[in-house]
Amino acid sequence: MPIKDSFDQIAATLREARTLAVACHVRPDADAIGSIVGFARSMMMAGKTVHVLSEDGVPENLVFLPSSDLVKKSTGEALEIDVAVALDTATKERLGENTLKSFASAPILVDMDHHGTNIGYGHLNHIDVGSPATGQIIYEFLTQQVWPMDDAVRENLFAAISTDTGSFQFSSTNARTHRIVAEMMEAGLDTATLSQKLYQEHPMRRILLLKAQLNEMKVTAEGRIASWVLTQATQQSVDMLPGDTEGLIDTLRTIEGVIAAVIFEELSSGKVRVSARSKDTRLNVAKVCGLFGGGGHAMAAGARLPGPVAEAERIFLEALTNEISGIG
């Protein structure tokens, strides 16, 4: 059942507020950063005071986005705010411990998202699982409610939409997605330059990670699963930074015959971050991740498992193989 408090209700609450805080999930991607920056900049142009927070700051690969310097790494500082806004964050806990401390004094929490596992943890919730990106929801909200929009807002929302649709390749992409991009282009958006920065300018660290992935990947389940274990040793050998792995899993997914791709990332805490992707609509990777306390979308999901990484790999691949066997 969709959870959709109306844009009118949310806009009315925001218009009454003077001071806002907006944040996204831990380990943010472009949909998260693009959404919070685009939203915050619009609110600022409308005269609001806005704190823009991210538990882990802005990944290096996204600092080129205009106004990304608005985003401050959450410190846990108590903020006096009228409304807190969580974007692209499926559960309240995924905002991060310090961000939650900064949100604590807000009398109203607004939750806007597109993840199917979001049960609506805000006082006002707009969860549109049919939207391919939270950035698309924010664009619709800003335009329908006639909030200010400039080139920087559009660039951030394009980055959000483009990346979360796999550069418009994923099945979640809809006709409205393309119309939104067309509308932004008609307003002057330079998609070619933005796409080059998003997809064609990677640091050598990322290329070295891709090299390791291609050398070490495994193909199992009769060629239907491609997976890779990203160890701490490999991360340290290339001086990996947050954001460097963005998109690597898609290389695994492109292998002919593969319908599920998985990366097992060994964390410094000893836990294992699992990222899973499907390219067969019959295979719901969120269901498999849910067995381990994770979630996400049917075609893209994740979970965190206890280490060691070899055991996490074994039990997750066993569950994924079982799920695949059920679809024939």
C-alpha atoms as a PDB file:
ATOM      1  CA  MET A   1       0.000   0.000   0.000  1.00  0.00           C
ATOM      2  CA  PRO A   2       1.539   3.357  -1.039  1.00  0.00           C
ATOM      3  CA  ILE A   3       2.259   5.798   1.758  1.00  0.00           C
ATOM      4  CA  LYS A   4       1.607   9.189   0.260  1.00  0.00           C
ATOM      5  CA  ASP A   5       0.783  12.238   2.299  1.00  0.00           C
ATOM      6  CA  SER A   6       0.072  14.818  -0.352  1.00  0.00           C
ATOM      7  CA  PHE A   7       2.581  17.295  -1.720  1.00  0.00           C
ATOM      8  CA  ASP A   8       0.113  19.984  -0.606  1.00  0.00           C
ATOM      9  CA  GLN A   9       0.365  18.838   3.016  1.00  0.00           C
ATOM     10  CA  ILE A  10       4.138  18.673   2.951  1.00  0.00           C
ATOM     11  CA  ALA A  11       4.484  22.028   1.201  1.00  0.00           C
ATOM     12  CA  ALA A  12       2.159  23.716   3.700  1.00  0.00           C
ATOM     13  CA  THR A  13       4.313  22.445   6.565  1.00  0.00           C
ATOM     14  CA  LEU A  14       7.507  23.629   4.881  1.00  0.00           C
ATOM     15  CA  ARG A  15       6.098  27.052   4.075  1.00  0.00           C
ATOM     16  CA  GLU A  16       5.318  27.633   7.748  1.00  0.00           C
ATOM     17  CA  ALA A  17       8.849  26.648   8.805  1.00  0.00           C
ATOM     18  CA  ARG A  18      11.719  29.089   9.051  1.00  0.00           C
ATOM     19  CA  THR A  19      14.558  26.660   9.782  1.00  0.00           C
ATOM     20  CA  LEU A  20      14.937  23.204   8.250  1.00  0.00           C
ATOM     21  CA  ALA A  21      17.412  20.354   8.328  1.00  0.00           C
ATOM     22  CA  VAL A  22      17.610  17.878   5.447  1.00  0.00           C
ATOM     23  CA  ALA A  23      19.620  14.662   5.390  1.00  0.00           C
ATOM     24  CA  CYS A  24      20.041  11.360   3.552  1.00  0.00           C
ATOM     25  CA  HIS A  25      21.199   7.831   4.281  1.00  0.00           C
ATOM     26  CA  VAL A  26      24.670   6.768   5.393  1.00  0.00           C
ATOM     27  CA  ARG A  27      27.201   6.083   2.621  1.00  0.00           C
ATOM     28  CA  PRO A  28      25.283   8.367   0.271  1.00  0.00           C
ATOM     29  CA  ASP A  29      25.060   7.843  -3.481  1.00  0.00           C
ATOM     30  CA  ALA A  30      24.188  10.392  -6.149  1.00  0.00           C
ATOM     31  CA  ASP A  31      20.426  10.022  -5.646  1.00  0.00           C
ATOM     32  CA  ALA A  32      20.882  10.839  -1.965  1.00  0.00           C
ATOM     33  CA  ILE A  33      23.277  13.771  -2.401  1.00  0.00           C
ATOM     34  CA  GLY A  34      21.551  15.150  -5.490  1.00  0.00           C
ATOM     35  CA  SER A  35      18.185  15.031  -3.750  1.00  0.00           C
ATOM     36  CA  ILE A  36      19.223  16.757  -0.529  1.00  0.00           C
ATOM     37  CA  VAL A  37      21.268  19.436  -2.287  1.00  0.00           C
ATOM     38  CA  GLY A  38      18.622  20.141  -4.915  1.00  0.00           C
ATOM     39  CA  PHE A  39      15.888  20.279  -2.271  1.00  0.00           C
ATOM     40  CA  ALA A  40      17.926  22.419   0.141  1.00  0.00           C
ATOM     41  CA  ARG A  41      18.946  24.943  -2.495  1.00  0.00           C
ATOM     42  CA  SER A  42      15.322  25.428  -3.531  1.00  0.00           C
ATOM     43  CA  MET A  43      14.284  25.949   0.091  1.00  0.00           C
ATOM     44  CA  MET A  44      17.108  28.462   0.577  1.00  0.00           C
ATOM     45  CA  MET A  45      16.004  30.433  -2.474  1.00  0.00           C
ATOM     46  CA  ALA A  46      12.563  30.528  -0.864  1.00  0.00           C
ATOM     47  CA  GLY A  47      14.098  32.234   2.160  1.00  0.00           C
ATOM     48  CA  LYS A  48      14.500  29.271   4.514  1.00  0.00           C
ATOM     49  CA  THR A  49      17.502  28.608   6.705  1.00  0.00           C
ATOM     50  CA  VAL A  50      18.568  25.065   5.840  1.00  0.00           C
ATOM     51  CA  HIS A  51      21.102  22.717   7.449  1.00  0.00           C
ATOM     52  CA  VAL A  52      22.187  20.046   4.958  1.00  0.00           C
ATOM     53  CA  LEU A  53      23.570  16.930   6.645  1.00  0.00           C
ATOM     54  CA  SER A  54      25.175  13.646   5.680  1.00  0.00           C
ATOM     55  CA  GLU A  55      26.544  11.178   8.194  1.00  0.00           C
ATOM     56  CA  ASP A  56      29.475  10.424   5.881  1.00  0.00           C
ATOM     57  CA  GLY A  57      29.804  13.724   4.049  1.00  0.00           C
ATOM     58  CA  VAL A  58      29.928  13.896   0.232  1.00  0.00           C
ATOM     59  CA  PRO A  59      31.761  11.154  -1.675  1.00  0.00           C
ATOM     60  CA  GLU A  60      34.746  12.463  -3.614  1.00  0.00           C
ATOM     61  CA  ASN A  61      33.171  11.451  -6.933  1.00  0.00           C
ATOM     62  CA  LEU A  62      30.253  13.845  -6.306  1.00  0.00           C
ATOM     63  CA  VAL A  63      32.003  16.981  -5.047  1.00  0.00           C
ATOM     64  CA  PHE A  64      31.767  18.450  -8.572  1.00  0.00           C
ATOM     65  CA  LEU A  65      28.015  18.896  -8.138  1.00  0.00           C
ATOM     66  CA  PRO A  66      27.110  22.565  -7.672  1.00  0.00           C
ATOM     67  CA  SER A  67      26.408  23.555  -4.070  1.00  0.00           C
ATOM     68  CA  SER A  68      27.623  20.180  -2.783  1.00  0.00           C
ATOM     69  CA  ASP A  69      29.633  22.237  -0.288  1.00  0.00           C
ATOM     70  CA  LEU A  70      26.334  22.956   1.456  1.00  0.00           C
ATOM     71  CA  VAL A  71      26.468  19.404   2.800  1.00  0.00           C
ATOM     72  CA  LYS A  72      28.118  19.167   6.194  1.00  0.00           C
ATOM     73  CA  LYS A  73      29.237  15.948   7.794  1.00  0.00           C
ATOM     74  CA  SER A  74      26.950  15.236  10.742  1.00  0.00           C
ATOM     75  CA  THR A  75      28.573  15.864  14.112  1.00  0.00           C
ATOM     76  CA  GLY A  76      25.611  15.226  16.381  1.00  0.00           C
ATOM     77  CA  GLU A  77      25.237  18.934  17.138  1.00  0.00           C
ATOM     78  CA  ALA A  78      21.784  19.727  18.478  1.00  0.00           C
ATOM     79  CA  LEU A  79      19.946  21.922  15.990  1.00  0.00           C
ATOM     80  CA  GLU A  80      17.025  24.225  16.660  1.00  0.00           C
ATOM     81  CA  ILE A  81      14.858  23.459  13.657  1.00  0.00           C
ATOM     82  CA  ASP A  82      11.178  23.626  12.798  1.00  0.00           C
ATOM     83  CA  VAL A  83      11.149  20.687  10.385  1.00  0.00           C
ATOM     84  CA  ALA A  84      13.524  17.805   9.678  1.00  0.00           C
ATOM     85  CA  VAL A  85      13.463  16.227   6.213  1.00  0.00           C
ATOM     86  CA  ALA A  86      14.785  12.758   5.407  1.00  0.00           C
ATOM     87  CA  LEU A  87      15.287  11.982   1.722  1.00  0.00           C
ATOM     88  CA  ASP A  88      16.082   8.662   0.003  1.00  0.00           C
ATOM     89  CA  THR A  89      16.352   6.879   3.355  1.00  0.00           C
ATOM     90  CA  ALA A  90      14.384   3.660   3.861  1.00  0.00           C
ATOM     91  CA  THR A  91      14.597   3.510   7.660  1.00  0.00           C
ATOM     92  CA  LYS A  92      15.112   6.185  10.279  1.00  0.00           C
ATOM     93  CA  GLU A  93      18.224   4.420  11.585  1.00  0.00           C
ATOM     94  CA  ARG A  94      19.846   4.696   8.140  1.00  0.00           C
ATOM     95  CA  LEU A  95      20.150   8.440   8.663  1.00  0.00           C
ATOM     96  CA  GLY A  96      22.998   7.710  11.059  1.00  0.00           C
ATOM     97  CA  GLU A  97      23.499   8.244  14.769  1.00  0.00           C
ATOM     98  CA  ASN A  98      24.818  11.818  14.570  1.00  0.00           C
ATOM     99  CA  THR A  99      22.178  12.948  12.107  1.00  0.00           C
ATOM    100  CA  LEU A 100      19.443  11.589  14.364  1.00  0.00           C
ATOM    101  CA  LYS A 101      20.861  13.601  17.255  1.00  0.00           C
ATOM    102  CA  SER A 102      20.720  16.744  15.116  1.00  0.00           C
ATOM    103  CA  PHE A 103      17.131  15.937  14.107  1.00  0.00           C
ATOM    104  CA  ALA A 104      16.000  15.234  17.670  1.00  0.00           C
ATOM    105  CA  SER A 105      14.514  18.638  18.474  1.00  0.00           C
ATOM    106  CA  ALA A 106      12.414  18.881  15.306  1.00  0.00           C
ATOM    107  CA  PRO A 107       8.675  18.709  16.099  1.00  0.00           C
ATOM    108  CA  ILE A 108       7.967  17.438  12.568  1.00  0.00           C
ATOM    109  CA  LEU A 109       9.842  14.872  10.481  1.00  0.00           C
ATOM    110  CA  VAL A 110       9.106  14.645   6.749  1.00  0.00           C
ATOM    111  CA  ASP A 111      10.089  11.408   4.980  1.00  0.00           C
ATOM    112  CA  MET A 112      10.257  11.383   1.159  1.00  0.00           C
ATOM    113  CA  ASP A 113      11.577   8.268  -0.527  1.00  0.00           C
ATOM    114  CA  HIS A 114      11.075   5.571  -3.180  1.00  0.00           C
ATOM    115  CA  HIS A 115      12.249   2.413  -1.375  1.00  0.00           C
ATOM    116  CA  GLY A 116       9.646  -0.314  -1.029  1.00  0.00           C
ATOM    117  CA  THR A 117      10.897  -1.243   2.435  1.00  0.00           C
ATOM    118  CA  ASN A 118      10.117   2.241   3.818  1.00  0.00           C
ATOM    119  CA  ILE A 119       7.157   1.881   6.207  1.00  0.00           C
ATOM    120  CA  GLY A 120       6.745   5.630   6.730  1.00  0.00           C
ATOM    121  CA  TYR A 121       8.648   6.693   9.853  1.00  0.00           C
ATOM    122  CA  GLY A 122       7.955  10.412   9.574  1.00  0.00           C
ATOM    123  CA  HIS A 123       5.055  12.551  10.725  1.00  0.00           C
ATOM    124  CA  LEU A 124       4.480  13.220   7.024  1.00  0.00           C
ATOM    125  CA  ASN A 125       5.501  10.563   4.505  1.00  0.00           C
ATOM    126  CA  HIS A 126       5.546  10.491   0.731  1.00  0.00           C
ATOM    127  CA  ILE A 127       6.826   7.074  -0.356  1.00  0.00           C
ATOM    128  CA  ASP A 128       6.468   6.496  -4.084  1.00  0.00           C
ATOM    129  CA  VAL A 129       7.844   3.056  -4.924  1.00  0.00           C
ATOM    130  CA  GLY A 130       6.909   3.591  -8.562  1.00  0.00           C
ATOM    131  CA  SER A 131       9.418   6.398  -8.872  1.00  0.00           C
ATOM    132  CA  PRO A 132      12.845   5.285 -10.145  1.00  0.00           C
ATOM    133  CA  ALA A 133      14.681   7.853  -8.016  1.00  0.00           C
ATOM    134  CA  THR A 134      14.044  10.102  -5.055  1.00  0.00           C
ATOM    135  CA  GLY A 135      15.399  12.868  -7.260  1.00  0.00           C
ATOM    136  CA  GLN A 136      12.387  12.399  -9.533  1.00  0.00           C
ATOM    137  CA  ILE A 137      10.033  12.757  -6.546  1.00  0.00           C
ATOM    138  CA  ILE A 138      11.793  15.969  -5.483  1.00  0.00           C
ATOM    139  CA  TYR A 139      11.561  17.393  -9.001  1.00  0.00           C
ATOM    140  CA  GLU A 140       7.814  16.680  -9.081  1.00  0.00           C
ATOM    141  CA  PHE A 141       7.380  18.191  -5.624  1.00  0.00           C
ATOM    142  CA  LEU A 142       9.289  21.394  -6.411  1.00  0.00           C
ATOM    143  CA  THR A 143       7.597  21.970  -9.756  1.00  0.00           C
ATOM    144  CA  GLN A 144       4.065  21.088  -8.679  1.00  0.00           C
ATOM    145  CA  GLN A 145       4.326  23.263  -5.574  1.00  0.00           C
ATOM    146  CA  VAL A 146       6.081  26.078  -7.461  1.00  0.00           C
ATOM    147  CA  TRP A 147       9.237  26.235  -5.366  1.00  0.00           C
ATOM    148  CA  PRO A 148      12.264  28.068  -6.823  1.00  0.00           C
ATOM    149  CA  MET A 149      14.494  26.148  -9.208  1.00  0.00           C
ATOM    150  CA  ASP A 150      17.786  27.160 -10.836  1.00  0.00           C
ATOM    151  CA  ASP A 151      20.566  25.482 -12.811  1.00  0.00           C
ATOM    152  CA  ALA A 152      22.186  24.065  -9.663  1.00  0.00           C
ATOM    153  CA  VAL A 153      18.928  22.445  -8.526  1.00  0.00           C
ATOM    154  CA  ARG A 154      18.424  20.894 -11.944  1.00  0.00           C
ATOM    155  CA  GLU A 155      22.012  19.591 -12.149  1.00  0.00           C
ATOM    156  CA  ASN A 156      21.726  17.888  -8.780  1.00  0.00           C
ATOM    157  CA  LEU A 157      18.376  16.334  -9.611  1.00  0.00           C
ATOM    158  CA  PHE A 158      19.663  15.113 -12.973  1.00  0.00           C
ATOM    159  CA  ALA A 159      22.599  13.408 -11.224  1.00  0.00           C
ATOM    160  CA  ALA A 160      20.139  11.792  -8.821  1.00  0.00           C
ATOM    161  CA  ILE A 161      17.806  10.559 -11.549  1.00  0.00           C
ATOM    162  CA  SER A 162      20.468   9.513 -14.055  1.00  0.00           C
ATOM    163  CA  THR A 163      22.469   7.388 -11.627  1.00  0.00           C
ATOM    164  CA  ASP A 164      19.533   5.697  -9.903  1.00  0.00           C
ATOM    165  CA  THR A 165      18.086   4.669 -13.249  1.00  0.00           C
ATOM    166  CA  GLY A 166      21.414   3.213 -14.402  1.00  0.00           C
ATOM    167  CA  SER A 167      21.689   6.068 -16.900  1.00  0.00           C
ATOM    168  CA  PHE A 168      18.050   5.396 -17.889  1.00  0.00           C
ATOM    169  CA  GLN A 169      18.643   1.684 -18.530  1.00  0.00           C
ATOM    170  CA  PHE A 170      16.827   0.138 -15.531  1.00  0.00           C
ATOM    171  CA  SER A 171      13.273  -1.135 -15.864  1.00  0.00           C
ATOM    172  CA  SER A 172      12.128   1.374 -13.225  1.00  0.00           C
ATOM    173  CA  THR A 173      12.730   4.202 -15.715  1.00  0.00           C
ATOM    174  CA  ASN A 174       9.398   5.466 -16.999  1.00  0.00           C
ATOM    175  CA  ALA A 175       8.147   7.878 -19.627  1.00  0.00           C
ATOM    176  CA  ARG A 176       7.831  10.642 -17.062  1.00  0.00           C
ATOM    177  CA  THR A 177      11.533  10.239 -16.235  1.00  0.00           C
ATOM    178  CA  HIS A 178      12.472  11.140 -19.790  1.00  0.00           C
ATOM    179  CA  ARG A 179       9.976  14.012 -19.886  1.00  0.00           C
ATOM    180  CA  ILE A 180      11.489  15.459 -16.703  1.00  0.00           C
ATOM    181  CA  VAL A 181      14.959  15.390 -18.232  1.00  0.00           C
ATOM    182  CA  ALA A 182      13.556  17.007 -21.382  1.00  0.00           C
ATOM    183  CA  GLU A 183      11.962  19.750 -19.284  1.00  0.00           C
ATOM    184  CA  MET A 184      15.258  20.404 -17.516  1.00  0.00           C
ATOM    185  CA  MET A 185      17.123  20.450 -20.848  1.00  0.00           C
ATOM    186  CA  GLU A 186      14.633  22.974 -22.210  1.00  0.00           C
ATOM    187  CA  ALA A 187      15.456  25.096 -19.149  1.00  0.00           C
ATOM    188  CA  GLY A 188      19.153  24.955 -20.063  1.00  0.00           C
ATOM    189  CA  LEU A 189      20.451  21.778 -18.418  1.00  0.00           C
ATOM    190  CA  ASP A 190      23.712  20.535 -20.025  1.00  0.00           C
ATOM    191  CA  THR A 191      23.296  16.770 -19.733  1.00  0.00           C
ATOM    192  CA  ALA A 192      26.358  15.958 -21.840  1.00  0.00           C
ATOM    193  CA  THR A 193      28.817  17.713 -19.531  1.00  0.00           C
ATOM    194  CA  LEU A 194      27.157  16.298 -16.429  1.00  0.00           C
ATOM    195  CA  SER A 195      27.141  12.762 -17.820  1.00  0.00           C
ATOM    196  CA  GLN A 196      30.825  13.016 -18.664  1.00  0.00           C
ATOM    197  CA  LYS A 197      31.614  13.971 -15.071  1.00  0.00           C
ATOM    198  CA  LEU A 198      29.370  11.240 -13.700  1.00  0.00           C
ATOM    199  CA  TYR A 199      30.500   8.374 -15.904  1.00  0.00           C
ATOM    200  CA  GLN A 200      33.756   9.224 -17.684  1.00  0.00           C
ATOM    201  CA  GLU A 201      36.064  10.757 -15.086  1.00  0.00           C
ATOM    202  CA  HIS A 202      37.130   8.120 -12.576  1.00  0.00           C
ATOM    203  CA  PRO A 203      40.214   8.241 -10.333  1.00  0.00           C
ATOM    204  CA  MET A 204      42.885   5.606 -10.891  1.00  0.00           C
ATOM    205  CA  ARG A 205      41.835   4.024  -7.558  1.00  0.00           C
ATOM    206  CA  ARG A 206      38.537   2.984  -9.097  1.00  0.00           C
ATOM    207  CA  ILE A 207      40.205   1.508 -12.167  1.00  0.00           C
ATOM    208  CA  LEU A 208      42.487  -0.538  -9.911  1.00  0.00           C
ATOM    209  CA  LEU A 209      39.407  -1.778  -8.042  1.00  0.00           C
ATOM    210  CA  LEU A 210      37.818  -2.759 -11.359  1.00  0.00           C
ATOM    211  CA  LYS A 211      41.017  -4.623 -12.261  1.00  0.00           C
ATOM    212  CA  ALA A 212      40.877  -6.525  -8.956  1.00  0.00           C
ATOM    213  CA  GLN A 213      37.187  -7.299  -9.471  1.00  0.00           C
ATOM    214  CA  LEU A 214      37.769  -8.754 -12.935  1.00  0.00           C
ATOM    215  CA  ASN A 215      40.707 -10.834 -11.694  1.00  0.00           C
ATOM    216  CA  GLU A 216      38.957 -12.167  -8.583  1.00  0.00           C
ATOM    217  CA  MET A 217      35.249 -12.452  -9.442  1.00  0.00           C
ATOM    218  CA  LYS A 218      33.421 -15.751  -9.202  1.00  0.00           C
ATOM    219  CA  VAL A 219      30.618 -17.078 -11.385  1.00  0.00           C
ATOM    220  CA  THR A 220      28.388 -19.655  -9.680  1.00  0.00           C
ATOM    221  CA  ALA A 221      24.877 -21.139  -9.824  1.00  0.00           C
ATOM    222  CA  GLU A 222      25.450 -22.499 -13.310  1.00  0.00           C
ATOM    223  CA  GLY A 223      26.552 -19.090 -14.585  1.00  0.00           C
ATOM    224  CA  ARG A 224      23.655 -17.117 -13.131  1.00  0.00           C
ATOM    225  CA  ILE A 225      25.459 -15.385 -10.228  1.00  0.00           C
ATOM    226  CA  ALA A 226      28.587 -13.223 -10.523  1.00  0.00           C
ATOM    227  CA  SER A 227      30.160 -12.109  -7.246  1.00  0.00           C
ATOM    228  CA  TRP A 228      33.255 -10.472  -5.849  1.00  0.00           C
ATOM    229  CA  VAL A 229      34.756 -10.179  -2.363  1.00  0.00           C
ATOM    230  CA  LEU A 230      36.252  -6.735  -1.752  1.00  0.00           C
ATOM    231  CA  THR A 231      38.661  -7.296   1.109  1.00  0.00           C
ATOM    232  CA  GLN A 232      40.156  -4.762   3.474  1.00  0.00           C
ATOM    233  CA  ALA A 233      43.549  -5.598   1.981  1.00  0.00           C
ATOM    234  CA  THR A 234      42.399  -4.611  -1.510  1.00  0.00           C
ATOM    235  CA  GLN A 235      40.793  -1.428  -0.212  1.00  0.00           C
ATOM    236  CA  GLN A 236      43.977  -0.405   1.559  1.00  0.00           C
ATOM    237  CA  SER A 237      46.189  -1.277  -1.403  1.00  0.00           C
ATOM    238  CA  VAL A 238      44.445   1.331  -3.582  1.00  0.00           C
ATOM    239  CA  ASP A 239      43.668   3.842  -0.770  1.00  0.00           C
ATOM    240  CA  MET A 240      39.958   3.406  -1.511  1.00  0.00           C
ATOM    241  CA  LEU A 241      37.604   6.243  -0.644  1.00  0.00           C
ATOM    242  CA  PRO A 242      33.816   6.219  -0.244  1.00  0.00           C
ATOM    243  CA  GLY A 243      32.184   6.332  -3.659  1.00  0.00           C
ATOM    244  CA  ASP A 244      35.010   4.521  -5.459  1.00  0.00           C
ATOM    245  CA  THR A 245      32.946   1.335  -5.790  1.00  0.00           C
ATOM    246  CA  GLU A 246      29.946   3.123  -7.308  1.00  0.00           C
ATOM    247  CA  GLY A 247      28.890   1.289 -10.470  1.00  0.00           C
ATOM    248  CA  LEU A 248      31.412  -1.556 -10.190  1.00  0.00           C
ATOM    249  CA  ILE A 249      28.657  -4.075  -9.581  1.00  0.00           C
ATOM    250  CA  ASP A 250      27.121  -3.215 -12.942  1.00  0.00           C
ATOM    251  CA  THR A 251      30.138  -4.719 -14.697  1.00  0.00           C
ATOM    252  CA  LEU A 252      29.339  -8.053 -13.048  1.00  0.00           C
ATOM    253  CA  ARG A 253      25.718  -7.750 -14.078  1.00  0.00           C
ATOM    254  CA  THR A 254      26.614  -7.283 -17.752  1.00  0.00           C
ATOM    255  CA  ILE A 255      27.996 -10.826 -18.089  1.00  0.00           C
ATOM    256  CA  GLU A 256      25.892 -12.892 -20.472  1.00  0.00           C
ATOM    257  CA  GLY A 257      23.753 -15.418 -18.593  1.00  0.00           C
ATOM    258  CA  VAL A 258      24.220 -13.714 -15.222  1.00  0.00           C
ATOM    259  CA  ILE A 259      20.968 -12.605 -13.578  1.00  0.00           C
ATOM    260  CA  ALA A 260      22.341 -11.631 -10.153  1.00  0.00           C
ATOM    261  CA  ALA A 261      25.470  -9.684  -9.209  1.00  0.00           C
ATOM    262  CA  VAL A 262      26.807  -9.381  -5.664  1.00  0.00           C
ATOM    263  CA  ILE A 263      29.681  -7.520  -4.021  1.00  0.00           C
ATOM    264  CA  PHE A 264      30.782  -8.474  -0.508  1.00  0.00           C
ATOM    265  CA  GLU A 265      32.657  -5.534   0.998  1.00  0.00           C
ATOM    266  CA  GLU A 266      34.673  -6.279   4.131  1.00  0.00           C
ATOM    267  CA  LEU A 267      34.267  -3.352   6.534  1.00  0.00           C
ATOM    268  CA  SER A 268      36.823  -2.177   9.084  1.00  0.00           C
ATOM    269  CA  SER A 269      34.311  -3.070  11.828  1.00  0.00           C
ATOM    270  CA  GLY A 270      34.482  -6.735  10.798  1.00  0.00           C
ATOM    271  CA  LYS A 271      31.002  -6.673   9.305  1.00  0.00           C
ATOM    272  CA  VAL A 272      30.323  -7.311   5.629  1.00  0.00           C
ATOM    273  CA  ARG A 273      28.370  -4.936   3.420  1.00  0.00           C
ATOM    274  CA  VAL A 274      26.445  -6.850   0.768  1.00  0.00           C
ATOM    275  CA  SER A 275      25.264  -5.150  -2.419  1.00  0.00           C
ATOM    276  CA  ALA A 276      23.037  -7.199  -4.708  1.00  0.00           C
ATOM    277  CA  ARG A 277      21.572  -6.508  -8.139  1.00  0.00           C
ATOM    278  CA  SER A 278      19.141  -8.430 -10.347  1.00  0.00           C
ATOM    279  CA  LYS A 279      18.545  -8.176 -14.072  1.00  0.00           C
ATOM    280  CA  ASP A 280      15.627 -10.614 -14.158  1.00  0.00           C
ATOM    281  CA  THR A 281      12.303  -9.258 -12.918  1.00  0.00           C
ATOM    282  CA  ARG A 282      11.505 -12.692 -11.501  1.00  0.00           C
ATOM    283  CA  LEU A 283      14.413 -12.411  -9.072  1.00  0.00           C
ATOM    284  CA  ASN A 284      13.738 -10.109  -6.109  1.00  0.00           C
ATOM    285  CA  VAL A 285      17.083  -9.450  -4.431  1.00  0.00           C
ATOM    286  CA  ALA A 286      15.386  -7.341  -1.739  1.00  0.00           C
ATOM    287  CA  LYS A 287      13.647 -10.522  -0.604  1.00  0.00           C
ATOM    288  CA  VAL A 288      16.994 -12.290  -0.235  1.00  0.00           C
ATOM    289  CA  CYS A 289      18.590  -9.314   1.538  1.00  0.00           C
ATOM    290  CA  GLY A 290      15.565  -9.217   3.823  1.00  0.00           C
ATOM    291  CA  LEU A 291      16.515 -12.639   5.149  1.00  0.00           C
ATOM    292  CA  PHE A 292      19.570 -10.947   6.655  1.00  0.00           C
ATOM    293  CA  GLY A 293      17.909  -7.793   7.946  1.00  0.00           C
ATOM    294  CA  GLY A 294      18.498  -5.745   4.801  1.00  0.00           C
ATOM    295  CA  GLY A 295      16.251  -4.482   2.052  1.00  0.00           C
ATOM    296  CA  GLY A 296      15.895  -2.060  -0.826  1.00  0.00           C
ATOM    297  CA  HIS A 297      14.386  -2.523  -4.272  1.00  0.00           C
ATOM    298  CA  ALA A 298      13.452  -5.725  -6.054  1.00  0.00           C
ATOM    299  CA  MET A 299      16.272  -5.178  -8.538  1.00  0.00           C
ATOM    300  CA  ALA A 300      18.807  -3.488  -6.213  1.00  0.00           C
ATOM    301  CA  ALA A 301      19.185  -4.163  -2.520  1.00  0.00           C
ATOM    302  CA  GLY A 302      21.687  -4.590   0.276  1.00  0.00           C
ATOM    303  CA  ALA A 303      22.349  -5.949   3.730  1.00  0.00           C
ATOM    304  CA  ARG A 304      25.022  -6.084   6.411  1.00  0.00           C
ATOM    305  CA  LEU A 305      26.164  -9.447   7.701  1.00  0.00           C
ATOM    306  CA  PRO A 306      28.540 -10.388  10.494  1.00  0.00           C
ATOM    307  CA  GLY A 307      32.008 -11.506   9.396  1.00  0.00           C
ATOM    308  CA  PRO A 308      34.181 -13.226   8.572  1.00  0.00           C
ATOM    309  CA  VAL A 309      33.683 -12.310   4.947  1.00  0.00           C
ATOM    310  CA  ALA A 310      34.090 -15.893   3.694  1.00  0.00           C
ATOM    311  CA  GLU A 311      31.190 -17.050   5.874  1.00  0.00           C
ATOM    312  CA  ALA A 312      29.019 -14.074   4.890  1.00  0.00           C
ATOM    313  CA  GLU A 313      29.724 -14.877   1.253  1.00  0.00           C
ATOM    314  CA  ARG A 314      28.833 -18.538   1.744  1.00  0.00           C
ATOM    315  CA  ILE A 315      25.502 -18.058   3.475  1.00  0.00           C
ATOM    316  CA  PHE A 316      24.313 -15.219   1.248  1.00  0.00           C
ATOM    317  CA  LEU A 317      25.181 -17.005  -1.989  1.00  0.00           C
ATOM    318  CA  GLU A 318      23.451 -20.122  -0.680  1.00  0.00           C
ATOM    319  CA  ALA A 319      20.249 -18.132  -0.046  1.00  0.00           C
ATOM    320  CA  LEU A 320      20.502 -16.360  -3.403  1.00  0.00           C
ATOM    321  CA  THR A 321      21.074 -19.654  -5.227  1.00  0.00           C
ATOM    322  CA  ASN A 322      18.000 -21.121  -3.532  1.00  0.00           C
ATOM    323  CA  GLU A 323      15.922 -18.149  -4.639  1.00  0.00           C
ATOM    324  CA  ILE A 324      17.188 -18.444  -8.208  1.00  0.00           C
ATOM    325  CA  SER A 325      16.434 -22.162  -8.324  1.00  0.00           C
ATOM    326  CA  GLY A 326      12.814 -21.355  -7.568  1.00  0.00           C
ATOM    327  CA  ILE A 327      12.368 -19.293 -10.713  1.00  0.00           C
ATOM    328  CA  GLY A 328      13.557 -22.027 -13.062  1.00  0.00           C
END
